[in-house]
Amino acid sequence: MTQPPAGRDDARGVRFRLRCWGARGTLPSPGPKTVRYGGNTTCVEVRTRDDELVILDAGTGLRGLGLHLTVAADGTQHTAPAHLFLTHQHSDHVIGLPHFAPLFDASAPLRITSGDATEQQTRTLLQTLMSPPLFPPLSEVTERVSIASFENGTPAEVGARCTVHRFPARHPGGASIFRLDDGRTPGIAFAPDNELDYASTDAEVIAWRRGLTLALHGVPILLHDATYSDTELAQHRGWGHSSALEATRFAMECVAGMLVLFHHHPDRTDDQVDAVVQECRQLVSVSGSSLRVIAAWEGLSLTV
């Protein structure tokens, strides 16, 4: 991939550039009814002000990103260091890893940081994904990958100006929420698997949600779990996901600039996602909020 001219983003005031490569949850759902929003599972590319590459999750969308990174229009190969952050290790968030083309280029450093696992647990995951019976044994590939984890609540640094903060999500087995800052300025929050559970009267849940609202306050772009409709929630409490309307309510409480509905249910058609967006925008309108609401689609590009 060609590098942007030095200072280009500084001149325009752009701190982060985001591109979505997969917005679906649970499992891939390709087909004629998911063409517009896409069927690949969760993967988001973020470029920092200094053009550092940050990847959020490694679902099946990671394959397309890998090809984009390694094959230029003229057929030549371009690689760059990549910082991959995993919210957790459920299959729809990691299954793209064995198919990430830069992984097989020894000149393309890859650093994986797990939000909810130790370094050894992440190393074991990578080795499992890339060994029989799931994949041919490729220990020479997995051993050169750099593995890290969040320790003692310390944020991760990417380059000179990007800081990645981790916050706990409510999801079976554990999961993380990431906030990417440019210096001290928040830019993007990523919460693909998170059960807000506004129906709960549990004091611990209410306190956790209040703390998360403060942690993500004023973030310009919030990508949040919108797996279910409100009517589906009753049958799925404890599954670790939110409804689109819950995500909208939460984004307004955070005073976010834009909500990007994410982790679409695999059975949700394009037309149904359109209807979900309209329902959320109606809630924003009656609430008198200035929040913008869209649904993530493959190829969506945003700047902060």
C-alpha atoms as a PDB file:
ATOM      1  CA  MET A   1       0.000   0.000   0.000  1.00  0.00           C
ATOM      2  CA  THR A   2       1.370   3.391  -0.873  1.00  0.00           C
ATOM      3  CA  GLN A   3       2.009   5.688   2.064  1.00  0.00           C
ATOM      4  CA  PRO A   4       0.278   9.097   2.262  1.00  0.00           C
ATOM      5  CA  PRO A   5       2.409  12.211   1.941  1.00  0.00           C
ATOM      6  CA  ALA A   6       3.930  13.295   5.252  1.00  0.00           C
ATOM      7  CA  GLY A   7       1.742  15.743   7.107  1.00  0.00           C
ATOM      8  CA  ARG A   8      -1.324  15.152   4.942  1.00  0.00           C
ATOM      9  CA  ASP A   9      -3.596  14.227   7.830  1.00  0.00           C
ATOM     10  CA  ASP A  10      -2.096  16.922  10.067  1.00  0.00           C
ATOM     11  CA  ALA A  11      -2.971  19.523   7.471  1.00  0.00           C
ATOM     12  CA  ARG A  12      -6.559  18.357   7.246  1.00  0.00           C
ATOM     13  CA  GLY A  13      -6.913  17.815  10.978  1.00  0.00           C
ATOM     14  CA  VAL A  14      -7.660  14.107  10.490  1.00  0.00           C
ATOM     15  CA  ARG A  15      -6.654  12.005  13.499  1.00  0.00           C
ATOM     16  CA  PHE A  16      -8.026   8.610  12.469  1.00  0.00           C
ATOM     17  CA  ARG A  17      -9.216   7.014   9.240  1.00  0.00           C
ATOM     18  CA  LEU A  18     -11.517   4.026   9.616  1.00  0.00           C
ATOM     19  CA  ARG A  19     -12.590   1.391   7.107  1.00  0.00           C
ATOM     20  CA  CYS A  20     -14.918  -1.509   7.796  1.00  0.00           C
ATOM     21  CA  TRP A  21     -14.049  -4.927   6.332  1.00  0.00           C
ATOM     22  CA  GLY A  22     -16.652  -6.970   8.200  1.00  0.00           C
ATOM     23  CA  ALA A  23     -19.647  -5.959  10.337  1.00  0.00           C
ATOM     24  CA  ARG A  24     -21.555  -9.214  10.815  1.00  0.00           C
ATOM     25  CA  GLY A  25     -21.662 -11.183  14.062  1.00  0.00           C
ATOM     26  CA  THR A  26     -21.773 -14.861  15.050  1.00  0.00           C
ATOM     27  CA  LEU A  27     -20.894 -16.333  11.652  1.00  0.00           C
ATOM     28  CA  PRO A  28     -20.534 -15.202   8.018  1.00  0.00           C
ATOM     29  CA  SER A  29     -23.773 -14.692   6.141  1.00  0.00           C
ATOM     30  CA  PRO A  30     -23.113 -14.171   2.423  1.00  0.00           C
ATOM     31  CA  GLY A  31     -26.000 -14.155  -0.016  1.00  0.00           C
ATOM     32  CA  PRO A  32     -28.330 -12.017  -2.097  1.00  0.00           C
ATOM     33  CA  LYS A  33     -30.065 -10.544   0.970  1.00  0.00           C
ATOM     34  CA  THR A  34     -26.867  -9.276   2.624  1.00  0.00           C
ATOM     35  CA  VAL A  35     -25.126  -7.666  -0.344  1.00  0.00           C
ATOM     36  CA  ARG A  36     -25.269  -4.035   0.780  1.00  0.00           C
ATOM     37  CA  TYR A  37     -24.127  -4.468   4.388  1.00  0.00           C
ATOM     38  CA  GLY A  38     -22.010  -7.539   3.725  1.00  0.00           C
ATOM     39  CA  GLY A  39     -21.714 -10.983   5.254  1.00  0.00           C
ATOM     40  CA  ASN A  40     -18.163 -11.005   6.641  1.00  0.00           C
ATOM     41  CA  THR A  41     -17.626 -11.024  10.380  1.00  0.00           C
ATOM     42  CA  THR A  42     -16.084  -8.302  12.451  1.00  0.00           C
ATOM     43  CA  CYS A  43     -12.925  -6.545  11.258  1.00  0.00           C
ATOM     44  CA  VAL A  44     -12.145  -2.826  11.191  1.00  0.00           C
ATOM     45  CA  GLU A  45      -9.038  -1.102   9.832  1.00  0.00           C
ATOM     46  CA  VAL A  46      -7.912   2.125  11.486  1.00  0.00           C
ATOM     47  CA  ARG A  47      -5.104   4.377  10.286  1.00  0.00           C
ATOM     48  CA  THR A  48      -3.627   6.798  12.776  1.00  0.00           C
ATOM     49  CA  ARG A  49      -2.452  10.342  12.074  1.00  0.00           C
ATOM     50  CA  ASP A  50       1.039   8.888  11.468  1.00  0.00           C
ATOM     51  CA  ASP A  51      -0.387   6.133   9.240  1.00  0.00           C
ATOM     52  CA  GLU A  52       0.190   3.396  11.807  1.00  0.00           C
ATOM     53  CA  LEU A  53      -2.069   0.438  11.017  1.00  0.00           C
ATOM     54  CA  VAL A  54      -4.443  -0.688  13.768  1.00  0.00           C
ATOM     55  CA  ILE A  55      -6.797  -3.633  13.150  1.00  0.00           C
ATOM     56  CA  LEU A  56      -9.761  -4.240  15.434  1.00  0.00           C
ATOM     57  CA  ASP A  57     -10.747  -7.922  15.498  1.00  0.00           C
ATOM     58  CA  ALA A  58      -9.865 -10.675  13.041  1.00  0.00           C
ATOM     59  CA  GLY A  59     -13.136 -12.037  11.693  1.00  0.00           C
ATOM     60  CA  THR A  60     -13.543 -13.191   8.103  1.00  0.00           C
ATOM     61  CA  GLY A  61     -13.294  -9.578   6.959  1.00  0.00           C
ATOM     62  CA  LEU A  62      -9.567  -9.784   7.771  1.00  0.00           C
ATOM     63  CA  ARG A  63      -8.948 -11.766   4.603  1.00  0.00           C
ATOM     64  CA  GLY A  64     -10.060  -8.895   2.376  1.00  0.00           C
ATOM     65  CA  LEU A  65      -7.984  -6.426   4.359  1.00  0.00           C
ATOM     66  CA  GLY A  66      -4.932  -8.667   4.010  1.00  0.00           C
ATOM     67  CA  LEU A  67      -5.286  -8.824   0.259  1.00  0.00           C
ATOM     68  CA  HIS A  68      -5.729  -5.063   0.123  1.00  0.00           C
ATOM     69  CA  LEU A  69      -2.548  -4.564   2.131  1.00  0.00           C
ATOM     70  CA  THR A  70      -0.359  -6.904   0.116  1.00  0.00           C
ATOM     71  CA  VAL A  71      -1.430  -6.544  -3.514  1.00  0.00           C
ATOM     72  CA  ALA A  72      -1.246  -3.159  -5.206  1.00  0.00           C
ATOM     73  CA  ALA A  73      -3.012  -2.233  -8.411  1.00  0.00           C
ATOM     74  CA  ASP A  74       0.205  -2.853 -10.387  1.00  0.00           C
ATOM     75  CA  GLY A  75       0.544  -6.339  -8.923  1.00  0.00           C
ATOM     76  CA  THR A  76       3.503  -5.502  -6.686  1.00  0.00           C
ATOM     77  CA  GLN A  77       3.522  -6.432  -3.022  1.00  0.00           C
ATOM     78  CA  HIS A  78       3.433  -3.871  -0.228  1.00  0.00           C
ATOM     79  CA  THR A  79       3.553  -4.742   3.454  1.00  0.00           C
ATOM     80  CA  ALA A  80       3.542  -2.704   6.650  1.00  0.00           C
ATOM     81  CA  PRO A  81       3.649  -3.408  10.387  1.00  0.00           C
ATOM     82  CA  ALA A  82       0.195  -4.144  11.772  1.00  0.00           C
ATOM     83  CA  HIS A  83      -1.159  -3.868  15.315  1.00  0.00           C
ATOM     84  CA  LEU A  84      -4.079  -6.258  15.753  1.00  0.00           C
ATOM     85  CA  PHE A  85      -6.311  -5.866  18.808  1.00  0.00           C
ATOM     86  CA  LEU A  86      -8.689  -8.712  19.667  1.00  0.00           C
ATOM     87  CA  THR A  87     -11.746  -7.928  21.771  1.00  0.00           C
ATOM     88  CA  HIS A  88     -12.013 -11.622  22.679  1.00  0.00           C
ATOM     89  CA  GLN A  89     -11.444 -15.067  21.223  1.00  0.00           C
ATOM     90  CA  HIS A  90     -14.851 -16.205  19.992  1.00  0.00           C
ATOM     91  CA  SER A  91     -14.616 -17.687  16.523  1.00  0.00           C
ATOM     92  CA  ASP A  92     -16.334 -14.874  14.611  1.00  0.00           C
ATOM     93  CA  HIS A  93     -13.650 -12.469  15.901  1.00  0.00           C
ATOM     94  CA  VAL A  94     -10.548 -14.579  15.166  1.00  0.00           C
ATOM     95  CA  ILE A  95     -11.301 -17.017  12.338  1.00  0.00           C
ATOM     96  CA  GLY A  96      -9.793 -14.736   9.696  1.00  0.00           C
ATOM     97  CA  LEU A  97      -6.297 -14.937  11.178  1.00  0.00           C
ATOM     98  CA  PRO A  98      -5.057 -17.999   9.198  1.00  0.00           C
ATOM     99  CA  HIS A  99      -6.153 -16.246   5.990  1.00  0.00           C
ATOM    100  CA  PHE A 100      -4.439 -12.884   6.605  1.00  0.00           C
ATOM    101  CA  ALA A 101      -1.934 -12.613   3.759  1.00  0.00           C
ATOM    102  CA  PRO A 102       0.672 -10.437   5.558  1.00  0.00           C
ATOM    103  CA  LEU A 103       0.979 -13.167   8.174  1.00  0.00           C
ATOM    104  CA  PHE A 104       2.948 -15.217   5.656  1.00  0.00           C
ATOM    105  CA  ASP A 105       5.407 -12.435   4.815  1.00  0.00           C
ATOM    106  CA  ALA A 106       8.362 -12.448   7.190  1.00  0.00           C
ATOM    107  CA  SER A 107       9.020  -8.791   6.359  1.00  0.00           C
ATOM    108  CA  ALA A 108       5.565  -7.707   7.587  1.00  0.00           C
ATOM    109  CA  PRO A 109       5.614  -7.541  11.409  1.00  0.00           C
ATOM    110  CA  LEU A 110       2.352  -8.444  13.146  1.00  0.00           C
ATOM    111  CA  ARG A 111       1.693  -7.670  16.794  1.00  0.00           C
ATOM    112  CA  ILE A 112      -1.432  -9.153  18.383  1.00  0.00           C
ATOM    113  CA  THR A 113      -2.759  -7.670  21.602  1.00  0.00           C
ATOM    114  CA  SER A 114      -5.624  -9.465  23.332  1.00  0.00           C
ATOM    115  CA  GLY A 115      -8.043  -7.451  25.355  1.00  0.00           C
ATOM    116  CA  ASP A 116      -9.244 -10.347  27.456  1.00  0.00           C
ATOM    117  CA  ALA A 117      -6.516 -12.991  27.419  1.00  0.00           C
ATOM    118  CA  THR A 118      -2.959 -13.501  28.597  1.00  0.00           C
ATOM    119  CA  GLU A 119      -0.056 -13.615  26.170  1.00  0.00           C
ATOM    120  CA  GLN A 120       0.140 -17.398  26.512  1.00  0.00           C
ATOM    121  CA  GLN A 121      -3.597 -17.836  25.908  1.00  0.00           C
ATOM    122  CA  THR A 122      -3.310 -15.772  22.736  1.00  0.00           C
ATOM    123  CA  ARG A 123      -0.259 -17.719  21.590  1.00  0.00           C
ATOM    124  CA  THR A 124      -2.178 -20.963  22.154  1.00  0.00           C
ATOM    125  CA  LEU A 125      -5.134 -19.603  20.169  1.00  0.00           C
ATOM    126  CA  LEU A 126      -2.924 -18.701  17.217  1.00  0.00           C
ATOM    127  CA  GLN A 127      -1.209 -22.078  17.252  1.00  0.00           C
ATOM    128  CA  THR A 128      -4.574 -23.862  17.457  1.00  0.00           C
ATOM    129  CA  LEU A 129      -6.013 -21.931  14.514  1.00  0.00           C
ATOM    130  CA  MET A 130      -2.957 -22.780  12.430  1.00  0.00           C
ATOM    131  CA  SER A 131      -2.475 -26.455  13.191  1.00  0.00           C
ATOM    132  CA  PRO A 132      -4.310 -29.727  12.376  1.00  0.00           C
ATOM    133  CA  PRO A 133      -7.139 -30.498  12.132  1.00  0.00           C
ATOM    134  CA  LEU A 134      -8.083 -26.867  11.382  1.00  0.00           C
ATOM    135  CA  PHE A 135      -5.068 -25.900   9.281  1.00  0.00           C
ATOM    136  CA  PRO A 136      -1.717 -27.237   8.068  1.00  0.00           C
ATOM    137  CA  PRO A 137       1.002 -26.953  10.745  1.00  0.00           C
ATOM    138  CA  LEU A 138       2.846 -23.650  10.290  1.00  0.00           C
ATOM    139  CA  SER A 139       4.822 -23.101  13.474  1.00  0.00           C
ATOM    140  CA  GLU A 140       7.405 -21.009  11.639  1.00  0.00           C
ATOM    141  CA  VAL A 141       4.626 -18.509  10.929  1.00  0.00           C
ATOM    142  CA  THR A 142       3.054 -18.390  14.370  1.00  0.00           C
ATOM    143  CA  GLU A 143       6.344 -18.177  16.245  1.00  0.00           C
ATOM    144  CA  ARG A 144       7.411 -14.911  14.623  1.00  0.00           C
ATOM    145  CA  VAL A 145       4.168 -13.125  15.568  1.00  0.00           C
ATOM    146  CA  SER A 146       4.573 -10.755  18.502  1.00  0.00           C
ATOM    147  CA  ILE A 147       1.985 -11.297  21.259  1.00  0.00           C
ATOM    148  CA  ALA A 148       0.992  -8.866  23.992  1.00  0.00           C
ATOM    149  CA  SER A 149      -1.817  -8.272  26.471  1.00  0.00           C
ATOM    150  CA  PHE A 150      -3.143  -5.426  28.574  1.00  0.00           C
ATOM    151  CA  GLU A 151      -1.499  -5.544  31.990  1.00  0.00           C
ATOM    152  CA  ASN A 152      -2.678  -3.812  35.163  1.00  0.00           C
ATOM    153  CA  GLY A 153      -5.007  -1.588  33.186  1.00  0.00           C
ATOM    154  CA  THR A 154      -2.108   0.001  31.299  1.00  0.00           C
ATOM    155  CA  PRO A 155      -3.141   1.312  27.853  1.00  0.00           C
ATOM    156  CA  ALA A 156      -1.347   0.083  24.730  1.00  0.00           C
ATOM    157  CA  GLU A 157       0.703   2.526  22.696  1.00  0.00           C
ATOM    158  CA  VAL A 158       0.734   2.467  18.897  1.00  0.00           C
ATOM    159  CA  GLY A 159       3.358   4.763  17.470  1.00  0.00           C
ATOM    160  CA  ALA A 160       3.968   8.176  18.966  1.00  0.00           C
ATOM    161  CA  ARG A 161       0.405   9.462  19.320  1.00  0.00           C
ATOM    162  CA  CYS A 162      -2.158   6.646  19.405  1.00  0.00           C
ATOM    163  CA  THR A 163      -3.217   5.106  22.704  1.00  0.00           C
ATOM    164  CA  VAL A 164      -5.601   2.146  22.958  1.00  0.00           C
ATOM    165  CA  HIS A 165      -7.553   1.866  26.194  1.00  0.00           C
ATOM    166  CA  ARG A 166      -9.368  -1.286  27.276  1.00  0.00           C
ATOM    167  CA  PHE A 167     -12.657  -1.481  29.199  1.00  0.00           C
ATOM    168  CA  PRO A 168     -14.561  -4.625  30.247  1.00  0.00           C
ATOM    169  CA  ALA A 169     -17.608  -5.610  28.225  1.00  0.00           C
ATOM    170  CA  ARG A 170     -20.476  -7.754  29.476  1.00  0.00           C
ATOM    171  CA  HIS A 171     -20.181 -10.918  27.399  1.00  0.00           C
ATOM    172  CA  PRO A 172     -20.022 -14.630  28.325  1.00  0.00           C
ATOM    173  CA  GLY A 173     -16.400 -15.636  28.848  1.00  0.00           C
ATOM    174  CA  GLY A 174     -15.268 -12.030  28.905  1.00  0.00           C
ATOM    175  CA  ALA A 175     -14.641  -9.461  26.187  1.00  0.00           C
ATOM    176  CA  SER A 176     -13.190  -5.998  25.821  1.00  0.00           C
ATOM    177  CA  ILE A 177     -14.165  -2.577  24.541  1.00  0.00           C
ATOM    178  CA  PHE A 178     -11.463  -0.398  23.014  1.00  0.00           C
ATOM    179  CA  ARG A 179     -11.131   3.373  22.854  1.00  0.00           C
ATOM    180  CA  LEU A 180      -8.518   4.818  20.523  1.00  0.00           C
ATOM    181  CA  ASP A 181      -7.154   8.219  21.481  1.00  0.00           C
ATOM    182  CA  ASP A 182      -4.950  10.623  19.563  1.00  0.00           C
ATOM    183  CA  GLY A 183      -2.857  12.044  22.355  1.00  0.00           C
ATOM    184  CA  ARG A 184      -5.454  12.974  24.956  1.00  0.00           C
ATOM    185  CA  THR A 185      -8.261  13.312  22.432  1.00  0.00           C
ATOM    186  CA  PRO A 186     -10.662  10.354  22.027  1.00  0.00           C
ATOM    187  CA  GLY A 187     -11.393   9.308  18.475  1.00  0.00           C
ATOM    188  CA  ILE A 188     -13.020   5.881  18.093  1.00  0.00           C
ATOM    189  CA  ALA A 189     -14.700   3.449  20.485  1.00  0.00           C
ATOM    190  CA  PHE A 190     -15.209  -0.194  19.476  1.00  0.00           C
ATOM    191  CA  ALA A 191     -17.705  -2.367  21.369  1.00  0.00           C
ATOM    192  CA  PRO A 192     -18.772  -5.213  19.066  1.00  0.00           C
ATOM    193  CA  ASP A 193     -19.950  -7.679  21.747  1.00  0.00           C
ATOM    194  CA  ASN A 194     -21.500  -5.952  24.755  1.00  0.00           C
ATOM    195  CA  GLU A 195     -24.737  -6.542  26.671  1.00  0.00           C
ATOM    196  CA  LEU A 196     -25.990  -3.175  27.936  1.00  0.00           C
ATOM    197  CA  ASP A 197     -29.055  -4.779  29.573  1.00  0.00           C
ATOM    198  CA  TYR A 198     -31.118  -1.673  30.313  1.00  0.00           C
ATOM    199  CA  ALA A 199     -33.858  -3.974  31.644  1.00  0.00           C
ATOM    200  CA  SER A 200     -31.678  -5.006  34.569  1.00  0.00           C
ATOM    201  CA  THR A 201     -32.251  -3.497  38.022  1.00  0.00           C
ATOM    202  CA  ASP A 202     -29.023  -4.990  39.361  1.00  0.00           C
ATOM    203  CA  ALA A 203     -26.951  -2.270  41.022  1.00  0.00           C
ATOM    204  CA  GLU A 204     -23.706  -3.773  39.727  1.00  0.00           C
ATOM    205  CA  VAL A 205     -24.931  -3.680  36.113  1.00  0.00           C
ATOM    206  CA  ILE A 206     -26.157  -0.105  36.487  1.00  0.00           C
ATOM    207  CA  ALA A 207     -22.834   0.982  38.002  1.00  0.00           C
ATOM    208  CA  TRP A 208     -20.853  -0.770  35.264  1.00  0.00           C
ATOM    209  CA  ARG A 209     -22.915   0.920  32.560  1.00  0.00           C
ATOM    210  CA  ARG A 210     -22.518   4.320  34.231  1.00  0.00           C
ATOM    211  CA  GLY A 211     -18.751   3.824  34.364  1.00  0.00           C
ATOM    212  CA  LEU A 212     -18.633   2.828  30.714  1.00  0.00           C
ATOM    213  CA  THR A 213     -20.664   5.902  29.780  1.00  0.00           C
ATOM    214  CA  LEU A 214     -18.047   8.071  31.470  1.00  0.00           C
ATOM    215  CA  ALA A 215     -15.176   6.173  29.838  1.00  0.00           C
ATOM    216  CA  LEU A 216     -16.623   6.723  26.357  1.00  0.00           C
ATOM    217  CA  HIS A 217     -18.032  10.207  26.958  1.00  0.00           C
ATOM    218  CA  GLY A 218     -17.763  12.501  23.955  1.00  0.00           C
ATOM    219  CA  VAL A 219     -16.224   9.944  21.628  1.00  0.00           C
ATOM    220  CA  PRO A 220     -16.710  11.099  18.012  1.00  0.00           C
ATOM    221  CA  ILE A 221     -17.402   7.602  16.622  1.00  0.00           C
ATOM    222  CA  LEU A 222     -18.863   4.682  18.576  1.00  0.00           C
ATOM    223  CA  LEU A 223     -19.171   1.277  16.923  1.00  0.00           C
ATOM    224  CA  HIS A 224     -21.495  -0.735  19.140  1.00  0.00           C
ATOM    225  CA  ASP A 225     -23.137  -4.136  19.241  1.00  0.00           C
ATOM    226  CA  ALA A 226     -26.632  -3.996  17.719  1.00  0.00           C
ATOM    227  CA  THR A 227     -27.289  -7.706  17.300  1.00  0.00           C
ATOM    228  CA  TYR A 228     -30.905  -7.861  18.430  1.00  0.00           C
ATOM    229  CA  SER A 229     -34.180  -6.006  18.201  1.00  0.00           C
ATOM    230  CA  ASP A 230     -35.864  -5.049  21.465  1.00  0.00           C
ATOM    231  CA  THR A 231     -38.439  -7.799  20.959  1.00  0.00           C
ATOM    232  CA  GLU A 232     -35.655 -10.394  20.633  1.00  0.00           C
ATOM    233  CA  LEU A 233     -33.894  -9.363  23.838  1.00  0.00           C
ATOM    234  CA  ALA A 234     -36.207 -11.201  26.220  1.00  0.00           C
ATOM    235  CA  GLN A 235     -35.166 -14.549  24.729  1.00  0.00           C
ATOM    236  CA  HIS A 236     -31.474 -13.650  24.702  1.00  0.00           C
ATOM    237  CA  ARG A 237     -30.667 -12.111  28.060  1.00  0.00           C
ATOM    238  CA  GLY A 238     -27.255 -13.266  29.188  1.00  0.00           C
ATOM    239  CA  TRP A 239     -26.073 -13.947  25.643  1.00  0.00           C
ATOM    240  CA  GLY A 240     -23.775 -10.923  25.711  1.00  0.00           C
ATOM    241  CA  HIS A 241     -25.386  -8.678  23.105  1.00  0.00           C
ATOM    242  CA  SER A 242     -27.495  -5.518  22.888  1.00  0.00           C
ATOM    243  CA  SER A 243     -30.355  -4.280  20.776  1.00  0.00           C
ATOM    244  CA  ALA A 244     -29.937  -1.448  18.275  1.00  0.00           C
ATOM    245  CA  LEU A 245     -32.233   0.764  20.361  1.00  0.00           C
ATOM    246  CA  GLU A 246     -30.189   0.054  23.491  1.00  0.00           C
ATOM    247  CA  ALA A 247     -27.036   0.994  21.593  1.00  0.00           C
ATOM    248  CA  THR A 248     -28.719   4.232  20.499  1.00  0.00           C
ATOM    249  CA  ARG A 249     -29.768   5.092  24.043  1.00  0.00           C
ATOM    250  CA  PHE A 250     -26.246   4.384  25.266  1.00  0.00           C
ATOM    251  CA  ALA A 251     -24.643   6.487  22.506  1.00  0.00           C
ATOM    252  CA  MET A 252     -26.862   9.437  23.439  1.00  0.00           C
ATOM    253  CA  GLU A 253     -25.903   9.057  27.096  1.00  0.00           C
ATOM    254  CA  CYS A 254     -22.237   9.041  26.047  1.00  0.00           C
ATOM    255  CA  VAL A 255     -22.830  12.199  23.964  1.00  0.00           C
ATOM    256  CA  ALA A 256     -21.149  10.395  21.075  1.00  0.00           C
ATOM    257  CA  GLY A 257     -20.975  12.180  17.747  1.00  0.00           C
ATOM    258  CA  MET A 258     -21.911   9.177  15.614  1.00  0.00           C
ATOM    259  CA  LEU A 259     -23.230   5.693  16.383  1.00  0.00           C
ATOM    260  CA  VAL A 260     -22.262   2.965  13.954  1.00  0.00           C
ATOM    261  CA  LEU A 261     -24.538  -0.028  14.510  1.00  0.00           C
ATOM    262  CA  PHE A 262     -22.320  -3.110  14.381  1.00  0.00           C
ATOM    263  CA  HIS A 263     -22.251  -6.918  14.751  1.00  0.00           C
ATOM    264  CA  HIS A 264     -25.437  -7.372  12.696  1.00  0.00           C
ATOM    265  CA  HIS A 265     -27.336 -10.588  13.329  1.00  0.00           C
ATOM    266  CA  PRO A 266     -26.469 -13.151  10.628  1.00  0.00           C
ATOM    267  CA  ASP A 267     -30.165 -13.522   9.729  1.00  0.00           C
ATOM    268  CA  ARG A 268     -30.729  -9.775   9.354  1.00  0.00           C
ATOM    269  CA  THR A 269     -31.316  -8.851   5.698  1.00  0.00           C
ATOM    270  CA  ASP A 270     -30.248  -5.571   4.121  1.00  0.00           C
ATOM    271  CA  ASP A 271     -33.828  -4.298   4.155  1.00  0.00           C
ATOM    272  CA  GLN A 272     -34.212  -5.246   7.806  1.00  0.00           C
ATOM    273  CA  VAL A 273     -31.001  -3.417   8.717  1.00  0.00           C
ATOM    274  CA  ASP A 274     -32.375  -0.360   6.891  1.00  0.00           C
ATOM    275  CA  ALA A 275     -35.502  -0.558   9.055  1.00  0.00           C
ATOM    276  CA  VAL A 276     -33.405  -0.862  12.217  1.00  0.00           C
ATOM    277  CA  VAL A 277     -31.494   2.300  11.308  1.00  0.00           C
ATOM    278  CA  GLN A 278     -34.716   4.228  10.748  1.00  0.00           C
ATOM    279  CA  GLU A 279     -36.103   3.058  14.096  1.00  0.00           C
ATOM    280  CA  CYS A 280     -32.944   4.229  15.868  1.00  0.00           C
ATOM    281  CA  ARG A 281     -33.007   7.591  14.084  1.00  0.00           C
ATOM    282  CA  GLN A 282     -36.597   8.066  15.178  1.00  0.00           C
ATOM    283  CA  LEU A 283     -35.548   7.516  18.799  1.00  0.00           C
ATOM    284  CA  VAL A 284     -32.815  10.120  18.368  1.00  0.00           C
ATOM    285  CA  SER A 285     -35.286  12.568  16.876  1.00  0.00           C
ATOM    286  CA  VAL A 286     -37.874  12.286  19.652  1.00  0.00           C
ATOM    287  CA  SER A 287     -35.079  12.554  22.229  1.00  0.00           C
ATOM    288  CA  GLY A 288     -33.891  15.848  20.768  1.00  0.00           C
ATOM    289  CA  SER A 289     -30.366  14.514  20.358  1.00  0.00           C
ATOM    290  CA  SER A 290     -27.872  15.479  17.650  1.00  0.00           C
ATOM    291  CA  LEU A 291     -26.500  11.923  17.454  1.00  0.00           C
ATOM    292  CA  ARG A 292     -25.964  10.585  13.918  1.00  0.00           C
ATOM    293  CA  VAL A 293     -26.850   6.903  13.412  1.00  0.00           C
ATOM    294  CA  ILE A 294     -25.724   4.625  10.591  1.00  0.00           C
ATOM    295  CA  ALA A 295     -25.210   0.884  10.232  1.00  0.00           C
ATOM    296  CA  ALA A 296     -21.769  -0.434   9.353  1.00  0.00           C
ATOM    297  CA  TRP A 297     -21.285  -1.945   5.912  1.00  0.00           C
ATOM    298  CA  GLU A 298     -18.281  -3.491   4.228  1.00  0.00           C
ATOM    299  CA  GLY A 299     -16.344  -0.647   2.646  1.00  0.00           C
ATOM    300  CA  LEU A 300     -17.659   2.041   4.998  1.00  0.00           C
ATOM    301  CA  SER A 301     -14.954   4.714   5.405  1.00  0.00           C
ATOM    302  CA  LEU A 302     -14.996   7.421   8.076  1.00  0.00           C
ATOM    303  CA  THR A 303     -12.557  10.027   9.334  1.00  0.00           C
ATOM    304  CA  VAL A 304     -12.208  11.688  12.720  1.00  0.00           C
END
